[in-house]
Amino acid sequence: MTPQTLAAEVESLFALPDAVLRVQALLDAPEANARDISAAVELDPSLAAGVLHLANSPLYGQRGRVDTVARAIDLIGRRALRDMVLATSVVKVFHAIPEEFVDMATFWDNSITCGVVAQFIARHLRARDADSLFLAGLLHGVGRLVFYARRPEEYRALLTETAQGEKALAAAEQNAFGFTYAHLGAALLKNWSLPERLCAAIEHQLSPETTPAAYAREVAIIHIANDIAASLAPCLKQRETPAPYLPGFDPGAQEILGITNDDLEAIRLEALAQTFDIIEIINPGSTLIF
């Protein structure tokens, strides 16, 4: 078994909605104009509403109200629109996973937090395509959903028997299956024809120091963002101030980015303040009480 073969098993189960595929095709077509693209988005009212909510959120917020999809394209650009379309749709893609195996609301809350933190880090560093790091963070853990869908009993036993912590779980996955959720998630996203840079950020997120140089910054950002998101998880369900941050990430990732602990703590608190609004857009009905 390989990540590719297991990802292929869920190709029909976890397929992108037709509306998303239509929009992606138009975004890839140089001859398609903003009117064509906005019309395709607006064929799905829930998709259009989600895009406009995100366009006006702190993630992509513009000066002045973005009240049409066409205006969102003009102000934000095609690449950001692609990310927004996928972000507003991806939660629905994985609706078939039984809640008895995983608390999906919590999973997506944590994934959204990772995405927000990743984008904030990227913006702090003035990274190229900083906005795309939100989508990479949002999707960083989807490989685990494939494990839940195709190997539920094995994976649940693995979770029960493994000590808490990202490194311990990844090592257990590698031992049990021959690959980790990061490899599996990247294989699924490649099947969705997502950009290579995004797939690489997810595939190598557990080993930033051995990442190909071309993707080192993106990988380091996702690696650190995942650790910060885990530290904020208790704050997503309870009315409490975050505990002091004790970094658990690979120090090599911090060296790659050249970012200080003080910077990361400031980003952590700023991201938490914005995360609740984004969760309400992407994962409405979550049990937040903050």
C-alpha atoms as a PDB file:
ATOM      1  CA  MET A   1       0.000   0.000   0.000  1.00  0.00           C
ATOM      2  CA  THR A   2       1.208   3.490  -0.872  1.00  0.00           C
ATOM      3  CA  PRO A   3      -0.200   6.962  -0.248  1.00  0.00           C
ATOM      4  CA  GLN A   4      -1.195   7.080  -3.902  1.00  0.00           C
ATOM      5  CA  THR A   5      -3.145   3.811  -3.847  1.00  0.00           C
ATOM      6  CA  LEU A   6      -4.962   4.703  -0.630  1.00  0.00           C
ATOM      7  CA  ALA A   7      -5.799   8.186  -1.932  1.00  0.00           C
ATOM      8  CA  ALA A   8      -7.124   6.575  -5.119  1.00  0.00           C
ATOM      9  CA  GLU A   9      -9.550   4.502  -3.025  1.00  0.00           C
ATOM     10  CA  VAL A  10     -11.346   7.675  -1.928  1.00  0.00           C
ATOM     11  CA  GLU A  11     -11.221   9.476  -5.263  1.00  0.00           C
ATOM     12  CA  SER A  12     -14.977   9.190  -5.788  1.00  0.00           C
ATOM     13  CA  LEU A  13     -15.873   9.497  -2.100  1.00  0.00           C
ATOM     14  CA  PHE A  14     -13.908  12.718  -1.615  1.00  0.00           C
ATOM     15  CA  ALA A  15     -14.478  14.432  -4.953  1.00  0.00           C
ATOM     16  CA  LEU A  16     -14.612  18.175  -5.386  1.00  0.00           C
ATOM     17  CA  PRO A  17     -18.101  19.548  -6.151  1.00  0.00           C
ATOM     18  CA  ASP A  18     -18.949  20.170  -9.801  1.00  0.00           C
ATOM     19  CA  ALA A  19     -19.243  23.903  -9.152  1.00  0.00           C
ATOM     20  CA  VAL A  20     -15.684  23.998  -7.839  1.00  0.00           C
ATOM     21  CA  LEU A  21     -14.394  22.034 -10.820  1.00  0.00           C
ATOM     22  CA  ARG A  22     -16.143  24.415 -13.227  1.00  0.00           C
ATOM     23  CA  VAL A  23     -14.628  27.442 -11.524  1.00  0.00           C
ATOM     24  CA  GLN A  24     -11.177  25.869 -11.453  1.00  0.00           C
ATOM     25  CA  ALA A  25     -11.388  25.120 -15.167  1.00  0.00           C
ATOM     26  CA  LEU A  26     -12.303  28.729 -15.926  1.00  0.00           C
ATOM     27  CA  LEU A  27      -9.541  30.064 -13.690  1.00  0.00           C
ATOM     28  CA  ASP A  28      -7.086  27.940 -15.665  1.00  0.00           C
ATOM     29  CA  ALA A  29      -8.407  29.241 -18.999  1.00  0.00           C
ATOM     30  CA  PRO A  30      -6.579  32.439 -20.041  1.00  0.00           C
ATOM     31  CA  GLU A  31      -9.452  33.445 -22.299  1.00  0.00           C
ATOM     32  CA  ALA A  32     -12.030  33.341 -19.467  1.00  0.00           C
ATOM     33  CA  ASN A  33     -12.918  36.788 -18.163  1.00  0.00           C
ATOM     34  CA  ALA A  34     -14.165  37.926 -14.760  1.00  0.00           C
ATOM     35  CA  ARG A  35     -17.782  37.823 -15.931  1.00  0.00           C
ATOM     36  CA  ASP A  36     -17.471  34.167 -16.982  1.00  0.00           C
ATOM     37  CA  ILE A  37     -15.843  33.201 -13.697  1.00  0.00           C
ATOM     38  CA  SER A  38     -18.258  35.105 -11.480  1.00  0.00           C
ATOM     39  CA  ALA A  39     -21.219  33.603 -13.344  1.00  0.00           C
ATOM     40  CA  ALA A  40     -19.871  30.107 -12.663  1.00  0.00           C
ATOM     41  CA  VAL A  41     -19.451  30.860  -8.958  1.00  0.00           C
ATOM     42  CA  GLU A  42     -22.920  32.386  -8.711  1.00  0.00           C
ATOM     43  CA  LEU A  43     -24.538  29.224 -10.093  1.00  0.00           C
ATOM     44  CA  ASP A  44     -24.007  27.853  -6.583  1.00  0.00           C
ATOM     45  CA  PRO A  45     -25.513  30.410  -4.163  1.00  0.00           C
ATOM     46  CA  SER A  46     -23.875  28.890  -1.089  1.00  0.00           C
ATOM     47  CA  LEU A  47     -20.496  28.955  -2.811  1.00  0.00           C
ATOM     48  CA  ALA A  48     -20.961  32.579  -3.856  1.00  0.00           C
ATOM     49  CA  ALA A  49     -22.008  33.561  -0.333  1.00  0.00           C
ATOM     50  CA  GLY A  50     -18.990  31.818   1.156  1.00  0.00           C
ATOM     51  CA  VAL A  51     -16.621  33.531  -1.259  1.00  0.00           C
ATOM     52  CA  LEU A  52     -18.040  36.963  -0.457  1.00  0.00           C
ATOM     53  CA  HIS A  53     -17.885  36.315   3.280  1.00  0.00           C
ATOM     54  CA  LEU A  54     -14.225  35.344   2.994  1.00  0.00           C
ATOM     55  CA  ALA A  55     -13.455  38.267   0.699  1.00  0.00           C
ATOM     56  CA  ASN A  56     -14.710  40.617   3.406  1.00  0.00           C
ATOM     57  CA  SER A  57     -13.064  38.731   6.276  1.00  0.00           C
ATOM     58  CA  PRO A  58      -9.768  39.659   7.943  1.00  0.00           C
ATOM     59  CA  LEU A  59      -8.041  37.108   5.720  1.00  0.00           C
ATOM     60  CA  TYR A  60      -8.744  38.957   2.490  1.00  0.00           C
ATOM     61  CA  GLY A  61     -10.500  42.088   3.734  1.00  0.00           C
ATOM     62  CA  GLN A  62     -10.277  45.024   1.352  1.00  0.00           C
ATOM     63  CA  ARG A  63     -10.789  48.745   1.707  1.00  0.00           C
ATOM     64  CA  GLY A  64     -14.452  49.022   0.971  1.00  0.00           C
ATOM     65  CA  ARG A  65     -17.108  46.377   0.832  1.00  0.00           C
ATOM     66  CA  VAL A  66     -16.720  43.512  -1.642  1.00  0.00           C
ATOM     67  CA  ASP A  67     -20.336  42.971  -2.663  1.00  0.00           C
ATOM     68  CA  THR A  68     -20.033  40.954  -5.885  1.00  0.00           C
ATOM     69  CA  VAL A  69     -17.928  38.012  -7.001  1.00  0.00           C
ATOM     70  CA  ALA A  70     -16.728  40.029  -9.987  1.00  0.00           C
ATOM     71  CA  ARG A  71     -15.422  42.725  -7.649  1.00  0.00           C
ATOM     72  CA  ALA A  72     -13.717  40.065  -5.542  1.00  0.00           C
ATOM     73  CA  ILE A  73     -11.868  38.861  -8.643  1.00  0.00           C
ATOM     74  CA  ASP A  74     -10.808  42.404  -9.525  1.00  0.00           C
ATOM     75  CA  LEU A  75      -9.568  43.230  -6.036  1.00  0.00           C
ATOM     76  CA  ILE A  76      -8.202  39.911  -4.857  1.00  0.00           C
ATOM     77  CA  GLY A  77      -7.159  38.138  -8.036  1.00  0.00           C
ATOM     78  CA  ARG A  78      -7.740  34.761  -9.595  1.00  0.00           C
ATOM     79  CA  ARG A  79      -5.321  32.832  -7.421  1.00  0.00           C
ATOM     80  CA  ALA A  80      -6.922  34.046  -4.201  1.00  0.00           C
ATOM     81  CA  LEU A  81     -10.369  33.322  -5.634  1.00  0.00           C
ATOM     82  CA  ARG A  82      -9.312  29.729  -6.336  1.00  0.00           C
ATOM     83  CA  ASP A  83      -8.249  29.375  -2.711  1.00  0.00           C
ATOM     84  CA  MET A  84     -11.492  30.878  -1.429  1.00  0.00           C
ATOM     85  CA  VAL A  85     -13.659  28.626  -3.599  1.00  0.00           C
ATOM     86  CA  LEU A  86     -11.881  25.537  -2.327  1.00  0.00           C
ATOM     87  CA  ALA A  87     -11.834  26.723   1.288  1.00  0.00           C
ATOM     88  CA  THR A  88     -15.592  27.303   1.323  1.00  0.00           C
ATOM     89  CA  SER A  89     -16.273  23.889  -0.230  1.00  0.00           C
ATOM     90  CA  VAL A  90     -13.794  21.513   1.344  1.00  0.00           C
ATOM     91  CA  VAL A  91     -15.685  20.933   4.608  1.00  0.00           C
ATOM     92  CA  LYS A  92     -18.624  19.506   2.642  1.00  0.00           C
ATOM     93  CA  VAL A  93     -16.332  17.153   0.717  1.00  0.00           C
ATOM     94  CA  PHE A  94     -15.604  15.125   3.854  1.00  0.00           C
ATOM     95  CA  HIS A  95     -19.155  14.954   5.207  1.00  0.00           C
ATOM     96  CA  ALA A  96     -19.330  11.155   4.829  1.00  0.00           C
ATOM     97  CA  ILE A  97     -16.922  10.380   7.686  1.00  0.00           C
ATOM     98  CA  PRO A  98     -18.879   9.048  10.695  1.00  0.00           C
ATOM     99  CA  GLU A  99     -18.743  11.256  13.778  1.00  0.00           C
ATOM    100  CA  GLU A 100     -18.049   8.144  15.849  1.00  0.00           C
ATOM    101  CA  PHE A 101     -14.529   8.113  14.423  1.00  0.00           C
ATOM    102  CA  VAL A 102     -13.662  11.789  14.586  1.00  0.00           C
ATOM    103  CA  ASP A 103     -15.218  14.995  15.887  1.00  0.00           C
ATOM    104  CA  MET A 104     -15.389  16.800  12.560  1.00  0.00           C
ATOM    105  CA  ALA A 105     -16.247  20.183  14.067  1.00  0.00           C
ATOM    106  CA  THR A 106     -13.114  20.072  16.202  1.00  0.00           C
ATOM    107  CA  PHE A 107     -11.028  18.799  13.293  1.00  0.00           C
ATOM    108  CA  TRP A 108     -12.047  21.703  11.068  1.00  0.00           C
ATOM    109  CA  ASP A 109     -11.781  24.269  13.837  1.00  0.00           C
ATOM    110  CA  ASN A 110      -8.174  23.225  14.389  1.00  0.00           C
ATOM    111  CA  SER A 111      -7.485  23.098  10.650  1.00  0.00           C
ATOM    112  CA  ILE A 112      -8.899  26.591  10.150  1.00  0.00           C
ATOM    113  CA  THR A 113      -6.762  27.840  13.030  1.00  0.00           C
ATOM    114  CA  CYS A 114      -3.683  26.352  11.381  1.00  0.00           C
ATOM    115  CA  GLY A 115      -4.603  28.101   8.140  1.00  0.00           C
ATOM    116  CA  VAL A 116      -5.085  31.484   9.792  1.00  0.00           C
ATOM    117  CA  VAL A 117      -1.796  31.196  11.695  1.00  0.00           C
ATOM    118  CA  ALA A 118       0.037  30.117   8.534  1.00  0.00           C
ATOM    119  CA  GLN A 119      -1.256  33.112   6.631  1.00  0.00           C
ATOM    120  CA  PHE A 120      -0.342  35.500   9.429  1.00  0.00           C
ATOM    121  CA  ILE A 121       3.201  34.099   9.585  1.00  0.00           C
ATOM    122  CA  ALA A 122       3.532  34.384   5.814  1.00  0.00           C
ATOM    123  CA  ARG A 123       2.334  37.974   5.827  1.00  0.00           C
ATOM    124  CA  HIS A 124       4.710  38.845   8.655  1.00  0.00           C
ATOM    125  CA  LEU A 125       7.553  37.479   6.530  1.00  0.00           C
ATOM    126  CA  ARG A 126       6.200  39.197   3.420  1.00  0.00           C
ATOM    127  CA  ALA A 127       6.286  35.801   1.761  1.00  0.00           C
ATOM    128  CA  ARG A 128       5.355  35.357  -1.861  1.00  0.00           C
ATOM    129  CA  ASP A 129       1.751  34.194  -2.270  1.00  0.00           C
ATOM    130  CA  ALA A 130       1.171  34.641   1.457  1.00  0.00           C
ATOM    131  CA  ASP A 131      -2.583  34.295   1.068  1.00  0.00           C
ATOM    132  CA  SER A 132      -2.225  30.783  -0.372  1.00  0.00           C
ATOM    133  CA  LEU A 133      -0.715  29.613   2.921  1.00  0.00           C
ATOM    134  CA  PHE A 134      -4.181  29.785   4.474  1.00  0.00           C
ATOM    135  CA  LEU A 135      -5.378  27.020   2.173  1.00  0.00           C
ATOM    136  CA  ALA A 136      -2.267  24.928   2.830  1.00  0.00           C
ATOM    137  CA  GLY A 137      -2.851  25.209   6.563  1.00  0.00           C
ATOM    138  CA  LEU A 138      -6.543  24.439   6.213  1.00  0.00           C
ATOM    139  CA  LEU A 139      -5.781  21.255   4.270  1.00  0.00           C
ATOM    140  CA  HIS A 140      -2.680  20.157   6.165  1.00  0.00           C
ATOM    141  CA  GLY A 141      -4.472  17.338   8.020  1.00  0.00           C
ATOM    142  CA  VAL A 142      -6.803  15.907   5.379  1.00  0.00           C
ATOM    143  CA  GLY A 143      -4.672  12.783   5.128  1.00  0.00           C
ATOM    144  CA  ARG A 144      -5.961  11.797   8.539  1.00  0.00           C
ATOM    145  CA  LEU A 145      -9.508  11.950   7.204  1.00  0.00           C
ATOM    146  CA  VAL A 146      -8.524   9.468   4.502  1.00  0.00           C
ATOM    147  CA  PHE A 147      -7.190   7.147   7.208  1.00  0.00           C
ATOM    148  CA  TYR A 148     -10.485   7.529   9.089  1.00  0.00           C
ATOM    149  CA  ALA A 149     -12.471   6.787   5.932  1.00  0.00           C
ATOM    150  CA  ARG A 150     -10.533   3.771   4.653  1.00  0.00           C
ATOM    151  CA  ARG A 151      -8.793   2.310   7.706  1.00  0.00           C
ATOM    152  CA  PRO A 152     -11.075   3.435  10.557  1.00  0.00           C
ATOM    153  CA  GLU A 153     -10.561   0.626  13.057  1.00  0.00           C
ATOM    154  CA  GLU A 154      -6.817   0.417  12.495  1.00  0.00           C
ATOM    155  CA  TYR A 155      -6.435   4.155  12.799  1.00  0.00           C
ATOM    156  CA  ARG A 156      -8.602   4.465  15.883  1.00  0.00           C
ATOM    157  CA  ALA A 157      -6.549   1.724  17.570  1.00  0.00           C
ATOM    158  CA  LEU A 158      -3.376   3.521  16.594  1.00  0.00           C
ATOM    159  CA  LEU A 159      -4.642   6.761  18.137  1.00  0.00           C
ATOM    160  CA  THR A 160      -5.608   4.960  21.336  1.00  0.00           C
ATOM    161  CA  GLU A 161      -2.256   3.239  21.701  1.00  0.00           C
ATOM    162  CA  THR A 162      -0.030   6.175  20.767  1.00  0.00           C
ATOM    163  CA  ALA A 163       1.224   8.850  23.137  1.00  0.00           C
ATOM    164  CA  GLN A 164      -0.081  12.336  22.485  1.00  0.00           C
ATOM    165  CA  GLY A 165       1.908  14.597  20.236  1.00  0.00           C
ATOM    166  CA  GLU A 166       2.454  15.156  16.534  1.00  0.00           C
ATOM    167  CA  LYS A 167       5.810  13.381  16.346  1.00  0.00           C
ATOM    168  CA  ALA A 168       4.625  10.290  18.193  1.00  0.00           C
ATOM    169  CA  LEU A 169       1.532   9.923  16.019  1.00  0.00           C
ATOM    170  CA  ALA A 170       3.451  10.459  12.781  1.00  0.00           C
ATOM    171  CA  ALA A 171       5.982   7.818  13.841  1.00  0.00           C
ATOM    172  CA  ALA A 172       3.141   5.405  14.629  1.00  0.00           C
ATOM    173  CA  GLU A 173       1.553   6.053  11.223  1.00  0.00           C
ATOM    174  CA  GLN A 174       4.866   5.438   9.496  1.00  0.00           C
ATOM    175  CA  ASN A 175       5.327   2.191  11.399  1.00  0.00           C
ATOM    176  CA  ALA A 176       1.773   0.937  10.815  1.00  0.00           C
ATOM    177  CA  PHE A 177       1.172   2.012   7.211  1.00  0.00           C
ATOM    178  CA  GLY A 178       4.585   2.846   5.771  1.00  0.00           C
ATOM    179  CA  PHE A 179       3.713   6.532   5.372  1.00  0.00           C
ATOM    180  CA  THR A 180       2.183   9.398   7.346  1.00  0.00           C
ATOM    181  CA  TYR A 181      -0.945  11.498   7.063  1.00  0.00           C
ATOM    182  CA  ALA A 182       1.204  14.189   5.441  1.00  0.00           C
ATOM    183  CA  HIS A 183       2.153  11.907   2.537  1.00  0.00           C
ATOM    184  CA  LEU A 184      -1.439  10.721   2.217  1.00  0.00           C
ATOM    185  CA  GLY A 185      -2.908  14.221   2.243  1.00  0.00           C
ATOM    186  CA  ALA A 186      -0.495  15.379  -0.434  1.00  0.00           C
ATOM    187  CA  ALA A 187      -1.428  12.396  -2.612  1.00  0.00           C
ATOM    188  CA  LEU A 188      -5.123  13.283  -2.345  1.00  0.00           C
ATOM    189  CA  LEU A 189      -4.522  16.940  -3.176  1.00  0.00           C
ATOM    190  CA  LYS A 190      -2.416  16.000  -6.191  1.00  0.00           C
ATOM    191  CA  ASN A 191      -5.415  14.002  -7.402  1.00  0.00           C
ATOM    192  CA  TRP A 192      -7.389  17.235  -7.071  1.00  0.00           C
ATOM    193  CA  SER A 193      -4.811  18.940  -9.328  1.00  0.00           C
ATOM    194  CA  LEU A 194      -3.865  21.479  -6.683  1.00  0.00           C
ATOM    195  CA  PRO A 195      -0.631  23.441  -7.160  1.00  0.00           C
ATOM    196  CA  GLU A 196       2.624  21.574  -6.594  1.00  0.00           C
ATOM    197  CA  ARG A 197       3.861  24.137  -4.070  1.00  0.00           C
ATOM    198  CA  LEU A 198       0.780  23.632  -1.896  1.00  0.00           C
ATOM    199  CA  CYS A 199       1.053  19.841  -2.112  1.00  0.00           C
ATOM    200  CA  ALA A 200       4.744  20.004  -1.193  1.00  0.00           C
ATOM    201  CA  ALA A 201       4.025  22.166   1.855  1.00  0.00           C
ATOM    202  CA  ILE A 202       1.667  19.479   3.118  1.00  0.00           C
ATOM    203  CA  GLU A 203       3.769  16.467   2.097  1.00  0.00           C
ATOM    204  CA  HIS A 204       6.928  17.663   3.874  1.00  0.00           C
ATOM    205  CA  GLN A 205       5.340  19.441   6.855  1.00  0.00           C
ATOM    206  CA  LEU A 206       6.675  16.921   9.381  1.00  0.00           C
ATOM    207  CA  SER A 207      10.305  17.197   8.269  1.00  0.00           C
ATOM    208  CA  PRO A 208      11.146  20.839   7.464  1.00  0.00           C
ATOM    209  CA  GLU A 209      14.910  20.342   7.737  1.00  0.00           C
ATOM    210  CA  THR A 210      14.985  17.757   4.932  1.00  0.00           C
ATOM    211  CA  THR A 211      12.575  19.559   2.617  1.00  0.00           C
ATOM    212  CA  PRO A 212      13.647  20.438  -0.946  1.00  0.00           C
ATOM    213  CA  ALA A 213      15.005  23.979  -0.870  1.00  0.00           C
ATOM    214  CA  ALA A 214      12.393  25.230  -3.346  1.00  0.00           C
ATOM    215  CA  TYR A 215       9.615  24.610  -0.804  1.00  0.00           C
ATOM    216  CA  ALA A 216      11.487  25.158   2.471  1.00  0.00           C
ATOM    217  CA  ARG A 217       9.729  28.352   3.559  1.00  0.00           C
ATOM    218  CA  GLU A 218       6.209  27.101   2.890  1.00  0.00           C
ATOM    219  CA  VAL A 219       6.932  23.831   4.683  1.00  0.00           C
ATOM    220  CA  ALA A 220       8.448  25.602   7.691  1.00  0.00           C
ATOM    221  CA  ILE A 221       5.417  27.891   7.923  1.00  0.00           C
ATOM    222  CA  ILE A 222       2.951  24.974   7.943  1.00  0.00           C
ATOM    223  CA  HIS A 223       5.117  23.047  10.417  1.00  0.00           C
ATOM    224  CA  ILE A 224       5.135  25.929  12.906  1.00  0.00           C
ATOM    225  CA  ALA A 225       1.503  26.912  12.265  1.00  0.00           C
ATOM    226  CA  ASN A 226       0.347  23.383  13.077  1.00  0.00           C
ATOM    227  CA  ASP A 227       2.173  23.502  16.407  1.00  0.00           C
ATOM    228  CA  ILE A 228       0.716  26.906  17.264  1.00  0.00           C
ATOM    229  CA  ALA A 229      -2.786  25.775  16.282  1.00  0.00           C
ATOM    230  CA  ALA A 230      -2.476  22.797  18.627  1.00  0.00           C
ATOM    231  CA  SER A 231      -1.564  25.163  21.455  1.00  0.00           C
ATOM    232  CA  LEU A 232      -4.713  27.197  20.789  1.00  0.00           C
ATOM    233  CA  ALA A 233      -7.106  24.240  20.609  1.00  0.00           C
ATOM    234  CA  PRO A 234      -8.402  24.606  24.198  1.00  0.00           C
ATOM    235  CA  CYS A 235      -9.269  28.251  23.502  1.00  0.00           C
ATOM    236  CA  LEU A 236     -11.620  27.276  20.685  1.00  0.00           C
ATOM    237  CA  LYS A 237     -14.077  25.613  23.060  1.00  0.00           C
ATOM    238  CA  GLN A 238     -13.662  27.505  26.300  1.00  0.00           C
ATOM    239  CA  ARG A 239     -13.686  31.095  27.458  1.00  0.00           C
ATOM    240  CA  GLU A 240     -10.081  31.329  28.487  1.00  0.00           C
ATOM    241  CA  THR A 241      -6.928  33.237  27.680  1.00  0.00           C
ATOM    242  CA  PRO A 242      -4.299  31.141  25.904  1.00  0.00           C
ATOM    243  CA  ALA A 243      -1.676  29.636  28.171  1.00  0.00           C
ATOM    244  CA  PRO A 244       1.907  30.764  27.533  1.00  0.00           C
ATOM    245  CA  TYR A 245       3.192  29.193  24.347  1.00  0.00           C
ATOM    246  CA  LEU A 246       5.769  26.434  24.734  1.00  0.00           C
ATOM    247  CA  PRO A 247       7.016  25.720  21.204  1.00  0.00           C
ATOM    248  CA  GLY A 248       7.027  22.079  20.189  1.00  0.00           C
ATOM    249  CA  PHE A 249       8.136  22.546  16.593  1.00  0.00           C
ATOM    250  CA  ASP A 250      11.461  21.586  15.030  1.00  0.00           C
ATOM    251  CA  PRO A 251      13.933  24.429  15.744  1.00  0.00           C
ATOM    252  CA  GLY A 252      15.194  24.081  12.196  1.00  0.00           C
ATOM    253  CA  ALA A 253      11.880  25.443  10.917  1.00  0.00           C
ATOM    254  CA  GLN A 254      12.367  28.623  12.920  1.00  0.00           C
ATOM    255  CA  GLU A 255      15.889  28.983  11.548  1.00  0.00           C
ATOM    256  CA  ILE A 256      14.598  28.657   7.991  1.00  0.00           C
ATOM    257  CA  LEU A 257      12.152  31.515   8.560  1.00  0.00           C
ATOM    258  CA  GLY A 258      14.366  33.695  10.736  1.00  0.00           C
ATOM    259  CA  ILE A 259      11.443  34.531  12.995  1.00  0.00           C
ATOM    260  CA  THR A 260      11.652  35.173  16.737  1.00  0.00           C
ATOM    261  CA  ASN A 261       9.651  33.652  19.573  1.00  0.00           C
ATOM    262  CA  ASP A 262       8.247  37.092  20.355  1.00  0.00           C
ATOM    263  CA  ASP A 263       7.053  37.407  16.757  1.00  0.00           C
ATOM    264  CA  LEU A 264       5.387  34.010  16.947  1.00  0.00           C
ATOM    265  CA  GLU A 265       3.633  34.817  20.218  1.00  0.00           C
ATOM    266  CA  ALA A 266       2.275  38.066  18.768  1.00  0.00           C
ATOM    267  CA  ILE A 267       1.102  36.229  15.642  1.00  0.00           C
ATOM    268  CA  ARG A 268      -0.467  33.514  17.805  1.00  0.00           C
ATOM    269  CA  LEU A 269      -2.608  35.978  19.743  1.00  0.00           C
ATOM    270  CA  GLU A 270      -3.547  38.007  16.677  1.00  0.00           C
ATOM    271  CA  ALA A 271      -4.517  34.877  14.767  1.00  0.00           C
ATOM    272  CA  LEU A 272      -6.696  33.615  17.613  1.00  0.00           C
ATOM    273  CA  ALA A 273      -8.633  36.875  17.616  1.00  0.00           C
ATOM    274  CA  GLN A 274      -9.429  36.443  13.913  1.00  0.00           C
ATOM    275  CA  THR A 275      -9.974  32.687  13.871  1.00  0.00           C
ATOM    276  CA  PHE A 276     -13.485  32.728  15.306  1.00  0.00           C
ATOM    277  CA  ASP A 277     -14.845  34.832  12.432  1.00  0.00           C
ATOM    278  CA  ILE A 278     -13.258  32.542   9.847  1.00  0.00           C
ATOM    279  CA  ILE A 279     -14.629  29.422  11.537  1.00  0.00           C
ATOM    280  CA  GLU A 280     -18.140  30.860  11.368  1.00  0.00           C
ATOM    281  CA  ILE A 281     -17.726  31.316   7.610  1.00  0.00           C
ATOM    282  CA  ILE A 282     -16.156  27.972   6.732  1.00  0.00           C
ATOM    283  CA  ASN A 283     -17.499  25.727   9.485  1.00  0.00           C
ATOM    284  CA  PRO A 284     -20.835  27.261  10.552  1.00  0.00           C
ATOM    285  CA  GLY A 285     -22.569  25.509  13.386  1.00  0.00           C
ATOM    286  CA  SER A 286     -19.331  24.728  15.170  1.00  0.00           C
ATOM    287  CA  THR A 287     -19.767  24.609  18.926  1.00  0.00           C
ATOM    288  CA  LEU A 288     -17.713  27.693  19.700  1.00  0.00           C
ATOM    289  CA  ILE A 289     -18.719  29.549  22.824  1.00  0.00           C
ATOM    290  CA  PHE A 290     -15.873  32.055  23.016  1.00  0.00           C
END
